[in-house]
Amino acid sequence: MMKKCLFFVFLIIALTGCSSYSEMLSADSNMKKVELDMTKEQVIAIMGSNYQRVGSFRLEDSTYVEMLGFKRNYNETYVMRFENGILTEWNKEVIPEYPAPVNTNTVSK
């Protein structure tokens, strides 16, 4: 009985890890389908609706620019730039991992 419980706990943990890994792979494989000059709606249909608006502004010539971020994993995001609803560029933003700073300014009494 105990072996069965441990087996199911291990199975659940393993499957949970696989699902997050498959999400990362699907973001990369979906990017292969994205092309410049696609509409915002086409990109969202490919990449999914789980995105964040990371910027928007209007240029002097009244072009509306919107940037959407699609998370790949905890420190990588695909950023898409749309001008008047058309994809004009994209890139992968990577936030470098740095160790937490060590506080060397300790005061002793």
C-alpha atoms as a PDB file:
ATOM      1  CA  MET A   1       0.000   0.000   0.000  1.00  0.00           C
ATOM      2  CA  MET A   2       2.764   2.450   0.949  1.00  0.00           C
ATOM      3  CA  LYS A   3       4.675   1.609  -2.237  1.00  0.00           C
ATOM      4  CA  LYS A   4       1.595   2.438  -4.337  1.00  0.00           C
ATOM      5  CA  CYS A   5       1.174   5.804  -2.606  1.00  0.00           C
ATOM      6  CA  LEU A   6       4.839   6.672  -3.122  1.00  0.00           C
ATOM      7  CA  PHE A   7       4.607   5.611  -6.748  1.00  0.00           C
ATOM      8  CA  PHE A   8       1.609   7.915  -7.368  1.00  0.00           C
ATOM      9  CA  VAL A   9       3.289  10.833  -5.584  1.00  0.00           C
ATOM     10  CA  PHE A  10       6.402  10.351  -7.714  1.00  0.00           C
ATOM     11  CA  LEU A  11       4.269  10.068 -10.864  1.00  0.00           C
ATOM     12  CA  ILE A  12       2.426  13.313 -10.103  1.00  0.00           C
ATOM     13  CA  ILE A  13       5.696  15.167  -9.469  1.00  0.00           C
ATOM     14  CA  ALA A  14       7.211  13.807 -12.687  1.00  0.00           C
ATOM     15  CA  LEU A  15       4.181  14.739 -14.787  1.00  0.00           C
ATOM     16  CA  THR A  16       4.039  18.240 -13.319  1.00  0.00           C
ATOM     17  CA  GLY A  17       7.651  18.817 -14.301  1.00  0.00           C
ATOM     18  CA  CYS A  18       6.993  17.526 -17.801  1.00  0.00           C
ATOM     19  CA  SER A  19       4.064  19.889 -18.339  1.00  0.00           C
ATOM     20  CA  SER A  20       6.102  23.006 -17.567  1.00  0.00           C
ATOM     21  CA  TYR A  21       8.899  21.707 -19.805  1.00  0.00           C
ATOM     22  CA  SER A  22       6.425  21.084 -22.628  1.00  0.00           C
ATOM     23  CA  GLU A  23       5.080  24.652 -22.268  1.00  0.00           C
ATOM     24  CA  MET A  24       8.612  25.985 -22.816  1.00  0.00           C
ATOM     25  CA  LEU A  25       9.039  23.778 -25.876  1.00  0.00           C
ATOM     26  CA  SER A  26       5.655  24.821 -27.286  1.00  0.00           C
ATOM     27  CA  ALA A  27       6.593  28.526 -27.027  1.00  0.00           C
ATOM     28  CA  ASP A  28       9.713  27.804 -29.056  1.00  0.00           C
ATOM     29  CA  SER A  29       7.891  25.636 -31.600  1.00  0.00           C
ATOM     30  CA  ASN A  30       5.113  28.229 -31.902  1.00  0.00           C
ATOM     31  CA  MET A  31       7.711  30.905 -32.651  1.00  0.00           C
ATOM     32  CA  LYS A  32       8.658  28.933 -35.749  1.00  0.00           C
ATOM     33  CA  LYS A  33       5.149  29.669 -37.078  1.00  0.00           C
ATOM     34  CA  VAL A  34       5.283  33.423 -36.426  1.00  0.00           C
ATOM     35  CA  GLU A  35       6.228  35.644 -39.366  1.00  0.00           C
ATOM     36  CA  LEU A  36       6.663  39.363 -39.825  1.00  0.00           C
ATOM     37  CA  ASP A  37       3.639  41.202 -41.260  1.00  0.00           C
ATOM     38  CA  MET A  38       1.186  38.946 -39.395  1.00  0.00           C
ATOM     39  CA  THR A  39      -1.653  40.686 -37.616  1.00  0.00           C
ATOM     40  CA  LYS A  40      -1.803  40.870 -33.834  1.00  0.00           C
ATOM     41  CA  GLU A  41      -4.760  38.462 -33.900  1.00  0.00           C
ATOM     42  CA  GLN A  42      -2.821  35.911 -35.969  1.00  0.00           C
ATOM     43  CA  VAL A  43       0.140  36.031 -33.566  1.00  0.00           C
ATOM     44  CA  ILE A  44      -2.128  35.610 -30.529  1.00  0.00           C
ATOM     45  CA  ALA A  45      -3.841  32.654 -32.238  1.00  0.00           C
ATOM     46  CA  ILE A  46      -0.419  30.996 -32.615  1.00  0.00           C
ATOM     47  CA  MET A  47       1.217  32.007 -29.324  1.00  0.00           C
ATOM     48  CA  GLY A  48      -1.862  31.907 -27.084  1.00  0.00           C
ATOM     49  CA  SER A  49      -3.693  34.541 -25.101  1.00  0.00           C
ATOM     50  CA  ASN A  50      -1.384  34.350 -22.086  1.00  0.00           C
ATOM     51  CA  TYR A  51       0.603  37.527 -22.758  1.00  0.00           C
ATOM     52  CA  GLN A  52       1.337  40.889 -21.174  1.00  0.00           C
ATOM     53  CA  ARG A  53       1.266  44.284 -22.824  1.00  0.00           C
ATOM     54  CA  VAL A  54       4.787  45.513 -22.126  1.00  0.00           C
ATOM     55  CA  GLY A  55       4.528  48.829 -23.917  1.00  0.00           C
ATOM     56  CA  SER A  56       2.454  51.056 -26.165  1.00  0.00           C
ATOM     57  CA  PHE A  57       2.941  54.492 -27.643  1.00  0.00           C
ATOM     58  CA  ARG A  58       2.153  56.611 -30.684  1.00  0.00           C
ATOM     59  CA  LEU A  59       4.816  57.850 -33.096  1.00  0.00           C
ATOM     60  CA  GLU A  60       4.853  61.381 -34.506  1.00  0.00           C
ATOM     61  CA  ASP A  61       3.281  60.124 -37.754  1.00  0.00           C
ATOM     62  CA  SER A  62       0.329  58.688 -35.709  1.00  0.00           C
ATOM     63  CA  THR A  63       1.562  55.089 -36.018  1.00  0.00           C
ATOM     64  CA  TYR A  64       0.285  53.154 -32.997  1.00  0.00           C
ATOM     65  CA  VAL A  65       2.995  50.891 -31.562  1.00  0.00           C
ATOM     66  CA  GLU A  66       2.151  48.092 -29.145  1.00  0.00           C
ATOM     67  CA  MET A  67       4.531  45.554 -27.664  1.00  0.00           C
ATOM     68  CA  LEU A  68       3.347  42.227 -26.252  1.00  0.00           C
ATOM     69  CA  GLY A  69       5.396  39.830 -24.149  1.00  0.00           C
ATOM     70  CA  PHE A  70       4.874  36.073 -24.303  1.00  0.00           C
ATOM     71  CA  LYS A  71       6.678  34.274 -21.453  1.00  0.00           C
ATOM     72  CA  ARG A  72       8.876  31.344 -22.439  1.00  0.00           C
ATOM     73  CA  ASN A  73       9.955  30.560 -18.901  1.00  0.00           C
ATOM     74  CA  TYR A  74      10.691  32.499 -15.722  1.00  0.00           C
ATOM     75  CA  ASN A  75      13.535  34.567 -17.220  1.00  0.00           C
ATOM     76  CA  GLU A  76      12.852  34.548 -20.980  1.00  0.00           C
ATOM     77  CA  THR A  77      10.133  36.410 -22.866  1.00  0.00           C
ATOM     78  CA  TYR A  78       9.380  36.783 -26.561  1.00  0.00           C
ATOM     79  CA  VAL A  79       8.615  40.472 -27.152  1.00  0.00           C
ATOM     80  CA  MET A  80       6.534  41.276 -30.237  1.00  0.00           C
ATOM     81  CA  ARG A  81       6.325  44.797 -31.690  1.00  0.00           C
ATOM     82  CA  PHE A  82       3.200  45.675 -33.649  1.00  0.00           C
ATOM     83  CA  GLU A  83       2.720  48.858 -35.660  1.00  0.00           C
ATOM     84  CA  ASN A  84      -0.940  49.555 -36.360  1.00  0.00           C
ATOM     85  CA  GLY A  85      -1.691  45.905 -35.526  1.00  0.00           C
ATOM     86  CA  ILE A  86       0.984  44.399 -37.826  1.00  0.00           C
ATOM     87  CA  LEU A  87       4.037  42.505 -36.497  1.00  0.00           C
ATOM     88  CA  THR A  88       7.138  44.483 -37.495  1.00  0.00           C
ATOM     89  CA  GLU A  89       9.764  42.863 -35.249  1.00  0.00           C
ATOM     90  CA  TRP A  90      10.252  40.446 -32.388  1.00  0.00           C
ATOM     91  CA  ASN A  91      13.048  39.321 -30.118  1.00  0.00           C
ATOM     92  CA  LYS A  92      13.738  37.105 -27.146  1.00  0.00           C
ATOM     93  CA  GLU A  93      14.507  39.029 -23.972  1.00  0.00           C
ATOM     94  CA  VAL A  94      16.621  37.168 -21.420  1.00  0.00           C
ATOM     95  CA  ILE A  95      16.948  38.396 -17.858  1.00  0.00           C
ATOM     96  CA  PRO A  96      20.351  37.227 -16.627  1.00  0.00           C
ATOM     97  CA  GLU A  97      20.490  35.274 -13.425  1.00  0.00           C
ATOM     98  CA  TYR A  98      22.719  36.825 -10.804  1.00  0.00           C
ATOM     99  CA  PRO A  99      23.284  35.581  -7.281  1.00  0.00           C
ATOM    100  CA  ALA A 100      21.662  37.673  -4.562  1.00  0.00           C
ATOM    101  CA  PRO A 101      23.977  40.427  -3.377  1.00  0.00           C
ATOM    102  CA  VAL A 102      25.682  39.918  -0.065  1.00  0.00           C
ATOM    103  CA  ASN A 103      25.353  42.753   2.432  1.00  0.00           C
ATOM    104  CA  THR A 104      28.892  43.578   3.538  1.00  0.00           C
ATOM    105  CA  ASN A 105      27.902  46.747   5.414  1.00  0.00           C
ATOM    106  CA  THR A 106      27.095  45.182   8.759  1.00  0.00           C
ATOM    107  CA  VAL A 107      27.309  47.247  11.909  1.00  0.00           C
ATOM    108  CA  SER A 108      28.352  45.543  15.097  1.00  0.00           C
ATOM    109  CA  LYS A 109      27.834  46.961  18.551  1.00  0.00           C
END
